[in-house]
PDB file of N, CA and C in Angstrom:
ATOM      1  N   MET A   1     -17.907 -95.068  81.075  1.00  0.00           N
ATOM      2  CA  MET A   1     -18.864 -95.618  80.167  1.00  0.00           C
ATOM      3  C   MET A   1     -19.513 -94.606  79.312  1.00  0.00           C
ATOM      4  N   ILE A   2     -19.918 -94.939  78.184  1.00  0.00           N
ATOM      5  CA  ILE A   2     -20.705 -93.837  77.295  1.00  0.00           C
ATOM      6  C   ILE A   2     -21.927 -94.759  76.871  1.00  0.00           C
ATOM      7  N   THR A   3     -23.169 -93.918  77.075  1.00  0.00           N
ATOM      8  CA  THR A   3     -24.382 -94.610  76.910  1.00  0.00           C
ATOM      9  C   THR A   3     -24.448 -94.869  75.329  1.00  0.00           C
ATOM     10  N   ASP A   4     -25.379 -95.619  74.890  1.00  0.00           N
ATOM     11  CA  ASP A   4     -25.751 -95.792  73.524  1.00  0.00           C
ATOM     12  C   ASP A   4     -26.709 -94.693  73.019  1.00  0.00           C
ATOM     13  N   ASP A   5     -27.134 -94.588  71.778  1.00  0.00           N
ATOM     14  CA  ASP A   5     -27.829 -93.507  71.281  1.00  0.00           C
ATOM     15  C   ASP A   5     -29.210 -93.255  71.850  1.00  0.00           C
ATOM     16  N   ASN A   6     -29.662 -94.439  72.636  1.00  0.00           N
ATOM     17  CA  ASN A   6     -30.926 -94.229  73.407  1.00  0.00           C
ATOM     18  C   ASN A   6     -30.861 -93.969  74.872  1.00  0.00           C
ATOM     19  N   GLY A   7     -29.425 -93.784  75.152  1.00  0.00           N
ATOM     20  CA  GLY A   7     -29.171 -93.438  76.541  1.00  0.00           C
ATOM     21  C   GLY A   7     -29.043 -94.622  77.566  1.00  0.00           C
ATOM     22  N   TYR A   8     -28.997 -95.796  76.977  1.00  0.00           N
ATOM     23  CA  TYR A   8     -28.802 -96.982  77.795  1.00  0.00           C
ATOM     24  C   TYR A   8     -27.456 -97.357  78.093  1.00  0.00           C
ATOM     25  N   TYR A   9     -27.004 -97.920  79.162  1.00  0.00           N
ATOM     26  CA  TYR A   9     -25.681 -98.438  79.635  1.00  0.00           C
ATOM     27  C   TYR A   9     -25.837 -99.750  80.042  1.00  0.00           C
ATOM     28  N   PHE A  10     -24.632-100.402  80.262  1.00  0.00           N
ATOM     29  CA  PHE A  10     -24.677-101.771  80.792  1.00  0.00           C
ATOM     30  C   PHE A  10     -23.238-101.893  81.455  1.00  0.00           C
ATOM     31  N   PHE A  11     -23.068-102.492  82.425  1.00  0.00           N
ATOM     32  CA  PHE A  11     -21.543-102.884  82.924  1.00  0.00           C
ATOM     33  C   PHE A  11     -21.847-104.055  83.825  1.00  0.00           C
ATOM     34  N   ARG A  12     -20.807-104.830  83.868  1.00  0.00           N
ATOM     35  CA  ARG A  12     -20.705-105.961  84.676  1.00  0.00           C
ATOM     36  C   ARG A  12     -19.640-105.775  85.663  1.00  0.00           C
ATOM     37  N   THR A  13     -19.993-106.066  86.909  1.00  0.00           N
ATOM     38  CA  THR A  13     -19.232-105.871  88.102  1.00  0.00           C
ATOM     39  C   THR A  13     -19.604-106.981  89.192  1.00  0.00           C
ATOM     40  N   ILE A  14     -18.641-106.945  90.283  1.00  0.00           N
ATOM     41  CA  ILE A  14     -19.000-107.794  91.312  1.00  0.00           C
ATOM     42  C   ILE A  14     -19.888-106.972  92.270  1.00  0.00           C
ATOM     43  N   LYS A  15     -21.051-107.360  92.762  1.00  0.00           N
ATOM     44  CA  LYS A  15     -21.877-106.496  93.650  1.00  0.00           C
ATOM     45  C   LYS A  15     -20.960-106.225  94.913  1.00  0.00           C
ATOM     46  N   PRO A  16     -20.965-104.936  95.306  1.00  0.00           N
ATOM     47  CA  PRO A  16     -20.276-104.754  96.459  1.00  0.00           C
ATOM     48  C   PRO A  16     -21.093-105.222  97.826  1.00  0.00           C
ATOM     49  N   GLY A  17     -20.234-105.129  98.853  1.00  0.00           N
ATOM     50  CA  GLY A  17     -20.958-105.621 100.031  1.00  0.00           C
ATOM     51  C   GLY A  17     -20.988-104.346 100.972  1.00  0.00           C
ATOM     52  N   PRO A  18     -21.929-104.579 102.011  1.00  0.00           N
ATOM     53  CA  PRO A  18     -22.051-103.677 103.055  1.00  0.00           C
ATOM     54  C   PRO A  18     -20.668-103.311 103.773  1.00  0.00           C
ATOM     55  N   TYR A  19     -20.346-102.213 104.283  1.00  0.00           N
ATOM     56  CA  TYR A  19     -19.220-101.872 105.064  1.00  0.00           C
ATOM     57  C   TYR A  19     -19.436-101.149 106.401  1.00  0.00           C
ATOM     58  N   PRO A  20     -18.591-101.301 107.385  1.00  0.00           N
ATOM     59  CA  PRO A  20     -18.759-100.477 108.572  1.00  0.00           C
ATOM     60  C   PRO A  20     -18.057 -99.287 108.309  1.00  0.00           C
ATOM     61  N   TRP A  21     -18.646 -98.158 109.112  1.00  0.00           N
ATOM     62  CA  TRP A  21     -17.956 -96.847 109.113  1.00  0.00           C
ATOM     63  C   TRP A  21     -18.195 -96.347 110.554  1.00  0.00           C
ATOM     64  N   GLY A  22     -17.252 -95.396 110.861  1.00  0.00           N
ATOM     65  CA  GLY A  22     -17.224 -94.985 112.219  1.00  0.00           C
ATOM     66  C   GLY A  22     -18.137 -93.995 112.863  1.00  0.00           C
ATOM     67  N   ASN A  23     -19.351 -94.024 112.259  1.00  0.00           N
ATOM     68  CA  ASN A  23     -20.413 -93.170 112.864  1.00  0.00           C
ATOM     69  C   ASN A  23     -20.960 -93.504 114.144  1.00  0.00           C
ATOM     70  N   SER A  24     -20.912 -94.858 114.426  1.00  0.00           N
ATOM     71  CA  SER A  24     -21.094 -95.489 115.682  1.00  0.00           C
ATOM     72  C   SER A  24     -20.585 -96.759 115.728  1.00  0.00           C
ATOM     73  N   ALA A  25     -20.574 -97.499 116.818  1.00  0.00           N
ATOM     74  CA  ALA A  25     -20.058 -98.773 117.186  1.00  0.00           C
ATOM     75  C   ALA A  25     -20.677 -99.987 116.166  1.00  0.00           C
ATOM     76  N   ASN A  26     -21.825 -99.754 115.746  1.00  0.00           N
ATOM     77  CA  ASN A  26     -22.427-100.892 114.719  1.00  0.00           C
ATOM     78  C   ASN A  26     -23.078-100.182 113.524  1.00  0.00           C
ATOM     79  N   ALA A  27     -22.493 -99.105 113.073  1.00  0.00           N
ATOM     80  CA  ALA A  27     -23.041 -98.503 111.904  1.00  0.00           C
ATOM     81  C   ALA A  27     -22.343 -99.094 110.532  1.00  0.00           C
ATOM     82  N   TRP A  28     -23.273 -99.526 109.719  1.00  0.00           N
ATOM     83  CA  TRP A  28     -22.947-100.173 108.286  1.00  0.00           C
ATOM     84  C   TRP A  28     -23.647 -99.189 107.179  1.00  0.00           C
ATOM     85  N   ARG A  29     -22.783 -99.003 106.131  1.00  0.00           N
ATOM     86  CA  ARG A  29     -23.445 -98.503 104.922  1.00  0.00           C
ATOM     87  C   ARG A  29     -23.891 -99.769 104.205  1.00  0.00           C
ATOM     88  N   PRO A  30     -25.152 -99.547 103.464  1.00  0.00           N
ATOM     89  CA  PRO A  30     -25.530-100.600 102.631  1.00  0.00           C
ATOM     90  C   PRO A  30     -24.600-100.727 101.437  1.00  0.00           C
ATOM     91  N   ALA A  31     -24.686-101.955 100.903  1.00  0.00           N
ATOM     92  CA  ALA A  31     -24.099-102.124  99.473  1.00  0.00           C
ATOM     93  C   ALA A  31     -24.498-101.079  98.602  1.00  0.00           C
ATOM     94  N   HIS A  32     -23.653-100.457  97.649  1.00  0.00           N
ATOM     95  CA  HIS A  32     -23.914 -99.314  96.808  1.00  0.00           C
ATOM     96  C   HIS A  32     -22.930 -99.244  95.876  1.00  0.00           C
ATOM     97  N   ILE A  33     -23.184 -98.616  94.628  1.00  0.00           N
ATOM     98  CA  ILE A  33     -22.252 -98.172  93.694  1.00  0.00           C
ATOM     99  C   ILE A  33     -22.371 -96.599  93.363  1.00  0.00           C
ATOM    100  N   HIS A  34     -21.264 -95.873  93.236  1.00  0.00           N
ATOM    101  CA  HIS A  34     -21.458 -94.473  93.017  1.00  0.00           C
ATOM    102  C   HIS A  34     -21.355 -94.320  91.552  1.00  0.00           C
ATOM    103  N   PHE A  35     -22.187 -93.242  91.215  1.00  0.00           N
ATOM    104  CA  PHE A  35     -22.164 -92.815  89.762  1.00  0.00           C
ATOM    105  C   PHE A  35     -21.862 -91.417  89.648  1.00  0.00           C
ATOM    106  N   SER A  36     -20.973 -91.103  88.676  1.00  0.00           N
ATOM    107  CA  SER A  36     -20.743 -89.674  88.411  1.00  0.00           C
ATOM    108  C   SER A  36     -20.976 -89.483  86.827  1.00  0.00           C
ATOM    109  N   ILE A  37     -22.007 -88.742  86.711  1.00  0.00           N
ATOM    110  CA  ILE A  37     -22.620 -88.468  85.444  1.00  0.00           C
ATOM    111  C   ILE A  37     -22.188 -87.057  84.736  1.00  0.00           C
ATOM    112  N   MET A  38     -21.638 -87.078  83.638  1.00  0.00           N
ATOM    113  CA  MET A  38     -21.330 -85.862  82.904  1.00  0.00           C
ATOM    114  C   MET A  38     -21.925 -85.502  81.717  1.00  0.00           C
ATOM    115  N   GLY A  39     -22.223 -84.422  81.377  1.00  0.00           N
ATOM    116  CA  GLY A  39     -22.873 -83.799  80.203  1.00  0.00           C
ATOM    117  C   GLY A  39     -21.636 -83.532  79.307  1.00  0.00           C
ATOM    118  N   ASP A  40     -21.655 -82.419  78.644  1.00  0.00           N
ATOM    119  CA  ASP A  40     -20.695 -81.908  77.725  1.00  0.00           C
ATOM    120  C   ASP A  40     -19.457 -81.392  78.211  1.00  0.00           C
ATOM    121  N   GLY A  41     -19.615 -81.124  79.645  1.00  0.00           N
ATOM    122  CA  GLY A  41     -18.413 -80.563  80.351  1.00  0.00           C
ATOM    123  C   GLY A  41     -18.483 -80.889  81.730  1.00  0.00           C
ATOM    124  N   TRP A  42     -17.145 -80.606  82.414  1.00  0.00           N
ATOM    125  CA  TRP A  42     -17.154 -80.684  83.797  1.00  0.00           C
ATOM    126  C   TRP A  42     -18.224 -80.125  84.690  1.00  0.00           C
ATOM    127  N   ALA A  43     -18.556 -78.951  84.205  1.00  0.00           N
ATOM    128  CA  ALA A  43     -19.623 -78.124  84.878  1.00  0.00           C
ATOM    129  C   ALA A  43     -21.039 -78.663  84.860  1.00  0.00           C
ATOM    130  N   GLN A  44     -21.153 -79.880  84.104  1.00  0.00           N
ATOM    131  CA  GLN A  44     -22.479 -80.559  84.001  1.00  0.00           C
ATOM    132  C   GLN A  44     -22.418 -82.027  84.774  1.00  0.00           C
ATOM    133  N   ARG A  45     -21.714 -82.093  85.851  1.00  0.00           N
ATOM    134  CA  ARG A  45     -21.608 -83.246  86.482  1.00  0.00           C
ATOM    135  C   ARG A  45     -22.429 -83.508  87.670  1.00  0.00           C
ATOM    136  N   LEU A  46     -23.142 -84.677  87.744  1.00  0.00           N
ATOM    137  CA  LEU A  46     -24.068 -85.033  88.740  1.00  0.00           C
ATOM    138  C   LEU A  46     -23.501 -86.139  89.279  1.00  0.00           C
ATOM    139  N   ILE A  47     -23.721 -86.282  90.771  1.00  0.00           N
ATOM    140  CA  ILE A  47     -23.206 -87.417  91.462  1.00  0.00           C
ATOM    141  C   ILE A  47     -24.291 -88.193  92.194  1.00  0.00           C
ATOM    142  N   THR A  48     -24.424 -89.494  92.070  1.00  0.00           N
ATOM    143  CA  THR A  48     -25.530 -90.119  92.836  1.00  0.00           C
ATOM    144  C   THR A  48     -24.978 -91.428  93.317  1.00  0.00           C
ATOM    145  N   GLN A  49     -25.798 -92.295  93.842  1.00  0.00           N
ATOM    146  CA  GLN A  49     -25.383 -93.744  94.202  1.00  0.00           C
ATOM    147  C   GLN A  49     -26.540 -94.648  93.981  1.00  0.00           C
ATOM    148  N   SER A  50     -26.421 -95.961  93.794  1.00  0.00           N
ATOM    149  CA  SER A  50     -27.468 -96.933  93.673  1.00  0.00           C
ATOM    150  C   SER A  50     -27.209 -97.929  94.686  1.00  0.00           C
ATOM    151  N   TYR A  51     -28.420 -98.076  95.438  1.00  0.00           N
ATOM    152  CA  TYR A  51     -28.562 -99.269  96.380  1.00  0.00           C
ATOM    153  C   TYR A  51     -29.051-100.417  95.747  1.00  0.00           C
ATOM    154  N   PHE A  52     -29.294-101.601  96.503  1.00  0.00           N
ATOM    155  CA  PHE A  52     -29.884-102.690  95.785  1.00  0.00           C
ATOM    156  C   PHE A  52     -31.197-103.406  96.545  1.00  0.00           C
ATOM    157  N   GLU A  53     -31.965-103.417  95.669  1.00  0.00           N
ATOM    158  CA  GLU A  53     -33.444-103.914  96.183  1.00  0.00           C
ATOM    159  C   GLU A  53     -33.284-104.903  97.210  1.00  0.00           C
ATOM    160  N   GLY A  54     -34.085-104.861  98.363  1.00  0.00           N
ATOM    161  CA  GLY A  54     -34.017-105.852  99.470  1.00  0.00           C
ATOM    162  C   GLY A  54     -33.072-105.622 100.613  1.00  0.00           C
ATOM    163  N   ASP A  55     -32.192-104.539 100.421  1.00  0.00           N
ATOM    164  CA  ASP A  55     -31.206-104.529 101.493  1.00  0.00           C
ATOM    165  C   ASP A  55     -31.719-103.829 102.669  1.00  0.00           C
ATOM    166  N   PRO A  56     -31.817-104.657 103.691  1.00  0.00           N
ATOM    167  CA  PRO A  56     -32.365-103.973 105.112  1.00  0.00           C
ATOM    168  C   PRO A  56     -31.568-102.817 105.560  1.00  0.00           C
ATOM    169  N   LEU A  57     -30.335-102.665 105.130  1.00  0.00           N
ATOM    170  CA  LEU A  57     -29.343-101.557 105.679  1.00  0.00           C
ATOM    171  C   LEU A  57     -29.755-100.210 105.131  1.00  0.00           C
ATOM    172  N   ILE A  58     -30.622-100.148 104.087  1.00  0.00           N
ATOM    173  CA  ILE A  58     -31.038 -98.809 103.468  1.00  0.00           C
ATOM    174  C   ILE A  58     -31.714 -98.077 104.569  1.00  0.00           C
ATOM    175  N   GLU A  59     -32.665 -98.747 105.185  1.00  0.00           N
ATOM    176  CA  GLU A  59     -33.426 -98.138 106.065  1.00  0.00           C
ATOM    177  C   GLU A  59     -32.729 -97.553 107.386  1.00  0.00           C
ATOM    178  N   GLN A  60     -31.597 -98.166 107.702  1.00  0.00           N
ATOM    179  CA  GLN A  60     -30.836 -97.744 108.820  1.00  0.00           C
ATOM    180  C   GLN A  60     -29.681 -96.951 108.418  1.00  0.00           C
ATOM    181  N   CYS A  61     -29.523 -96.583 107.166  1.00  0.00           N
ATOM    182  CA  CYS A  61     -28.365 -95.855 106.723  1.00  0.00           C
ATOM    183  C   CYS A  61     -28.460 -94.302 107.165  1.00  0.00           C
ATOM    184  N   PRO A  62     -27.708 -93.731 107.918  1.00  0.00           N
ATOM    185  CA  PRO A  62     -27.736 -92.265 108.283  1.00  0.00           C
ATOM    186  C   PRO A  62     -27.733 -91.349 107.083  1.00  0.00           C
ATOM    187  N   ILE A  63     -26.842 -91.822 106.035  1.00  0.00           N
ATOM    188  CA  ILE A  63     -26.824 -91.000 104.756  1.00  0.00           C
ATOM    189  C   ILE A  63     -28.050 -90.909 104.025  1.00  0.00           C
ATOM    190  N   ALA A  64     -28.735 -92.171 103.874  1.00  0.00           N
ATOM    191  CA  ALA A  64     -29.879 -92.236 103.167  1.00  0.00           C
ATOM    192  C   ALA A  64     -31.072 -91.536 104.041  1.00  0.00           C
ATOM    193  N   ALA A  65     -30.862 -91.547 105.352  1.00  0.00           N
ATOM    194  CA  ALA A  65     -31.888 -90.835 106.096  1.00  0.00           C
ATOM    195  C   ALA A  65     -31.790 -89.370 105.841  1.00  0.00           C
ATOM    196  N   THR A  66     -30.892 -88.718 105.333  1.00  0.00           N
ATOM    197  CA  THR A  66     -30.679 -87.232 104.935  1.00  0.00           C
ATOM    198  C   THR A  66     -31.568 -86.903 103.711  1.00  0.00           C
ATOM    199  N   ILE A  67     -31.857 -87.906 103.048  1.00  0.00           N
ATOM    200  CA  ILE A  67     -32.542 -87.663 101.696  1.00  0.00           C
ATOM    201  C   ILE A  67     -33.935 -87.155 102.063  1.00  0.00           C
ATOM    202  N   PRO A  68     -34.563 -86.021 101.551  1.00  0.00           N
ATOM    203  CA  PRO A  68     -35.773 -85.539 101.955  1.00  0.00           C
ATOM    204  C   PRO A  68     -36.940 -86.335 101.933  1.00  0.00           C
ATOM    205  N   SER A  69     -37.147 -87.110 100.947  1.00  0.00           N
ATOM    206  CA  SER A  69     -38.397 -87.890 100.738  1.00  0.00           C
ATOM    207  C   SER A  69     -38.135 -89.372 100.510  1.00  0.00           C
ATOM    208  N   ARG A  70     -39.052 -90.336 100.770  1.00  0.00           N
ATOM    209  CA  ARG A  70     -38.957 -91.738 100.474  1.00  0.00           C
ATOM    210  C   ARG A  70     -38.959 -91.943  99.063  1.00  0.00           C
ATOM    211  N   ASP A  71     -39.680 -91.254  98.362  1.00  0.00           N
ATOM    212  CA  ASP A  71     -39.658 -91.323  96.848  1.00  0.00           C
ATOM    213  C   ASP A  71     -38.167 -91.143  96.298  1.00  0.00           C
ATOM    214  N   GLN A  72     -37.511 -90.166  96.812  1.00  0.00           N
ATOM    215  CA  GLN A  72     -36.301 -89.792  96.369  1.00  0.00           C
ATOM    216  C   GLN A  72     -35.367 -91.086  96.744  1.00  0.00           C
ATOM    217  N   VAL A  73     -35.387 -91.709  97.901  1.00  0.00           N
ATOM    218  CA  VAL A  73     -34.712 -92.825  98.395  1.00  0.00           C
ATOM    219  C   VAL A  73     -34.986 -93.837  97.365  1.00  0.00           C
ATOM    220  N   ARG A  74     -36.282 -94.193  97.011  1.00  0.00           N
ATOM    221  CA  ARG A  74     -36.639 -95.321  96.109  1.00  0.00           C
ATOM    222  C   ARG A  74     -36.081 -95.043  94.763  1.00  0.00           C
ATOM    223  N   SER A  75     -35.770 -93.807  94.274  1.00  0.00           N
ATOM    224  CA  SER A  75     -35.363 -93.619  93.153  1.00  0.00           C
ATOM    225  C   SER A  75     -33.772 -93.984  93.137  1.00  0.00           C
ATOM    226  N   LEU A  76     -33.248 -94.291  94.199  1.00  0.00           N
ATOM    227  CA  LEU A  76     -31.915 -94.685  94.275  1.00  0.00           C
ATOM    228  C   LEU A  76     -31.686 -96.179  94.379  1.00  0.00           C
ATOM    229  N   ILE A  77     -32.738 -97.047  94.456  1.00  0.00           N
ATOM    230  CA  ILE A  77     -32.766 -98.419  94.594  1.00  0.00           C
ATOM    231  C   ILE A  77     -32.749 -99.234  93.264  1.00  0.00           C
ATOM    232  N   ALA A  78     -31.681 -99.869  92.889  1.00  0.00           N
ATOM    233  CA  ALA A  78     -31.716-100.843  91.766  1.00  0.00           C
ATOM    234  C   ALA A  78     -32.702-101.939  91.947  1.00  0.00           C
ATOM    235  N   GLN A  79     -33.494-102.292  90.870  1.00  0.00           N
ATOM    236  CA  GLN A  79     -34.488-103.493  90.957  1.00  0.00           C
ATOM    237  C   GLN A  79     -33.758-104.618  90.374  1.00  0.00           C
ATOM    238  N   ALA A  80     -34.081-105.647  91.037  1.00  0.00           N
ATOM    239  CA  ALA A  80     -33.675-106.927  90.325  1.00  0.00           C
ATOM    240  C   ALA A  80     -34.184-107.152  88.930  1.00  0.00           C
ATOM    241  N   ASP A  81     -33.502-107.476  88.055  1.00  0.00           N
ATOM    242  CA  ASP A  81     -33.861-107.849  86.729  1.00  0.00           C
ATOM    243  C   ASP A  81     -33.680-109.104  86.100  1.00  0.00           C
ATOM    244  N   THR A  82     -34.493-109.967  86.687  1.00  0.00           N
ATOM    245  CA  THR A  82     -34.234-111.361  86.517  1.00  0.00           C
ATOM    246  C   THR A  82     -34.357-111.885  84.973  1.00  0.00           C
ATOM    247  N   ALA A  83     -35.061-110.952  84.133  1.00  0.00           N
ATOM    248  CA  ALA A  83     -35.011-111.471  82.608  1.00  0.00           C
ATOM    249  C   ALA A  83     -33.767-111.171  82.042  1.00  0.00           C
ATOM    250  N   ASN A  84     -32.718-110.621  82.748  1.00  0.00           N
ATOM    251  CA  ASN A  84     -31.463-110.342  82.181  1.00  0.00           C
ATOM    252  C   ASN A  84     -30.471-111.103  82.905  1.00  0.00           C
ATOM    253  N   ASP A  85     -30.824-111.917  83.991  1.00  0.00           N
ATOM    254  CA  ASP A  85     -29.769-112.695  84.628  1.00  0.00           C
ATOM    255  C   ASP A  85     -29.044-113.679  83.507  1.00  0.00           C
ATOM    256  N   ALA A  86     -27.707-113.951  84.059  1.00  0.00           N
ATOM    257  CA  ALA A  86     -27.036-114.945  83.182  1.00  0.00           C
ATOM    258  C   ALA A  86     -27.140-116.288  83.873  1.00  0.00           C
ATOM    259  N   PRO A  87     -27.904-117.140  83.401  1.00  0.00           N
ATOM    260  CA  PRO A  87     -27.998-118.546  84.189  1.00  0.00           C
ATOM    261  C   PRO A  87     -26.678-118.936  84.571  1.00  0.00           C
ATOM    262  N   PHE A  88     -26.560-119.371  86.008  1.00  0.00           N
ATOM    263  CA  PHE A  88     -25.454-119.899  86.660  1.00  0.00           C
ATOM    264  C   PHE A  88     -24.336-119.126  86.569  1.00  0.00           C
ATOM    265  N   ASP A  89     -24.452-117.850  86.326  1.00  0.00           N
ATOM    266  CA  ASP A  89     -23.127-116.906  86.191  1.00  0.00           C
ATOM    267  C   ASP A  89     -23.532-115.622  86.851  1.00  0.00           C
ATOM    268  N   ALA A  90     -24.561-114.876  86.714  1.00  0.00           N
ATOM    269  CA  ALA A  90     -24.630-113.550  87.180  1.00  0.00           C
ATOM    270  C   ALA A  90     -26.147-113.078  87.299  1.00  0.00           C
ATOM    271  N   ARG A  91     -26.399-112.296  88.420  1.00  0.00           N
ATOM    272  CA  ARG A  91     -27.604-111.542  88.633  1.00  0.00           C
ATOM    273  C   ARG A  91     -27.610-110.214  87.770  1.00  0.00           C
ATOM    274  N   ALA A  92     -28.771-109.743  87.487  1.00  0.00           N
ATOM    275  CA  ALA A  92     -28.958-108.520  86.834  1.00  0.00           C
ATOM    276  C   ALA A  92     -29.666-107.490  87.642  1.00  0.00           C
ATOM    277  N   TYR A  93     -29.315-106.365  87.611  1.00  0.00           N
ATOM    278  CA  TYR A  93     -30.109-105.264  88.333  1.00  0.00           C
ATOM    279  C   TYR A  93     -30.385-104.012  87.278  1.00  0.00           C
ATOM    280  N   ARG A  94     -31.551-103.390  87.351  1.00  0.00           N
ATOM    281  CA  ARG A  94     -31.787-102.272  86.635  1.00  0.00           C
ATOM    282  C   ARG A  94     -31.786-101.073  87.367  1.00  0.00           C
ATOM    283  N   PHE A  95     -30.976-100.081  87.058  1.00  0.00           N
ATOM    284  CA  PHE A  95     -30.925 -98.728  87.710  1.00  0.00           C
ATOM    285  C   PHE A  95     -31.052 -97.681  86.616  1.00  0.00           C
ATOM    286  N   ASP A  96     -32.286 -97.269  86.393  1.00  0.00           N
ATOM    287  CA  ASP A  96     -32.394 -95.947  85.600  1.00  0.00           C
ATOM    288  C   ASP A  96     -32.191 -94.740  86.023  1.00  0.00           C
ATOM    289  N   ILE A  97     -31.133 -93.963  85.395  1.00  0.00           N
ATOM    290  CA  ILE A  97     -30.942 -92.646  85.934  1.00  0.00           C
ATOM    291  C   ILE A  97     -31.799 -91.660  85.032  1.00  0.00           C
ATOM    292  N   THR A  98     -32.633 -90.809  85.780  1.00  0.00           N
ATOM    293  CA  THR A  98     -33.466 -89.847  85.104  1.00  0.00           C
ATOM    294  C   THR A  98     -33.004 -88.488  85.601  1.00  0.00           C
ATOM    295  N   LEU A  99     -32.552 -87.735  84.463  1.00  0.00           N
ATOM    296  CA  LEU A  99     -31.992 -86.403  84.855  1.00  0.00           C
ATOM    297  C   LEU A  99     -32.975 -85.204  85.289  1.00  0.00           C
ATOM    298  N   ARG A 100     -34.183 -85.496  84.683  1.00  0.00           N
ATOM    299  CA  ARG A 100     -35.096 -84.333  84.886  1.00  0.00           C
ATOM    300  C   ARG A 100     -36.562 -84.838  85.167  1.00  0.00           C
ATOM    301  N   GLY A 101     -37.381 -83.988  85.598  1.00  0.00           N
ATOM    302  CA  GLY A 101     -38.884 -84.348  85.506  1.00  0.00           C
ATOM    303  C   GLY A 101     -39.370 -85.002  87.029  1.00  0.00           C
ATOM    304  N   ARG A 102     -40.625 -85.487  86.882  1.00  0.00           N
ATOM    305  CA  ARG A 102     -41.189 -85.976  88.014  1.00  0.00           C
ATOM    306  C   ARG A 102     -40.466 -87.215  88.681  1.00  0.00           C
ATOM    307  N   ARG A 103     -39.921 -88.026  87.772  1.00  0.00           N
ATOM    308  CA  ARG A 103     -39.265 -89.360  88.379  1.00  0.00           C
ATOM    309  C   ARG A 103     -37.856 -88.983  88.375  1.00  0.00           C
ATOM    310  N   ALA A 104     -37.154 -87.933  88.493  1.00  0.00           N
ATOM    311  CA  ALA A 104     -35.633 -87.529  88.394  1.00  0.00           C
ATOM    312  C   ALA A 104     -35.147 -88.533  89.668  1.00  0.00           C
ATOM    313  N   THR A 105     -34.021 -88.986  89.406  1.00  0.00           N
ATOM    314  CA  THR A 105     -33.060 -89.587  90.305  1.00  0.00           C
ATOM    315  C   THR A 105     -32.460 -88.513  91.164  1.00  0.00           C
ATOM    316  N   PHE A 106     -32.456 -88.739  92.559  1.00  0.00           N
ATOM    317  CA  PHE A 106     -31.916 -87.820  93.593  1.00  0.00           C
ATOM    318  C   PHE A 106     -30.459 -87.730  93.294  1.00  0.00           C
ATOM    319  N   PHE A 107     -30.007 -86.476  93.207  1.00  0.00           N
ATOM    320  CA  PHE A 107     -28.505 -86.298  93.117  1.00  0.00           C
ATOM    321  C   PHE A 107     -27.974 -85.602  94.408  1.00  0.00           C
ATOM    322  N   GLU A 108     -26.881 -85.922  94.766  1.00  0.00           N
ATOM    323  CA  GLU A 108     -26.257 -85.282  95.938  1.00  0.00           C
ATOM    324  C   GLU A 108     -25.868 -83.907  95.861  1.00  0.00           C
ATOM    325  N   ASN A 109     -25.456 -83.532  94.605  1.00  0.00           N
ATOM    326  CA  ASN A 109     -25.098 -82.174  94.306  1.00  0.00           C
ATOM    327  C   ASN A 109     -26.062 -81.528  93.443  1.00  0.00           C
ATOM    328  N   ALA A 110     -27.377 -81.843  93.365  1.00  0.00           N
ATOM    329  CA  ALA A 110     -28.220 -81.138  92.667  1.00  0.00           C
ATOM    330  C   ALA A 110     -28.689 -79.843  93.203  1.00  0.00           C
TER     331      ALA A 110
END
């Protein structure tokens, strides 16, 4: 996907579900979408993921627990965007990816 001139993007997908992983007998990853963001070349690649607002598994996720601060975890949570829901069809979420500054999104490889 390529952003528009203002840096906005939009895609439509099916919201993923949580899934078990073998870390322990009852370990579950919260629903999430991975993002790989590239600049002008492969050397400018950033990787992150977006969770969904209200998912109780975020607090229990061992991967999210490795993130240094709660503010960084919050930067990974997409917020419900009811103004852009498609009635009787789809819910909308807003996930702003901020590359630099005080409100920068947490990146796994930064």
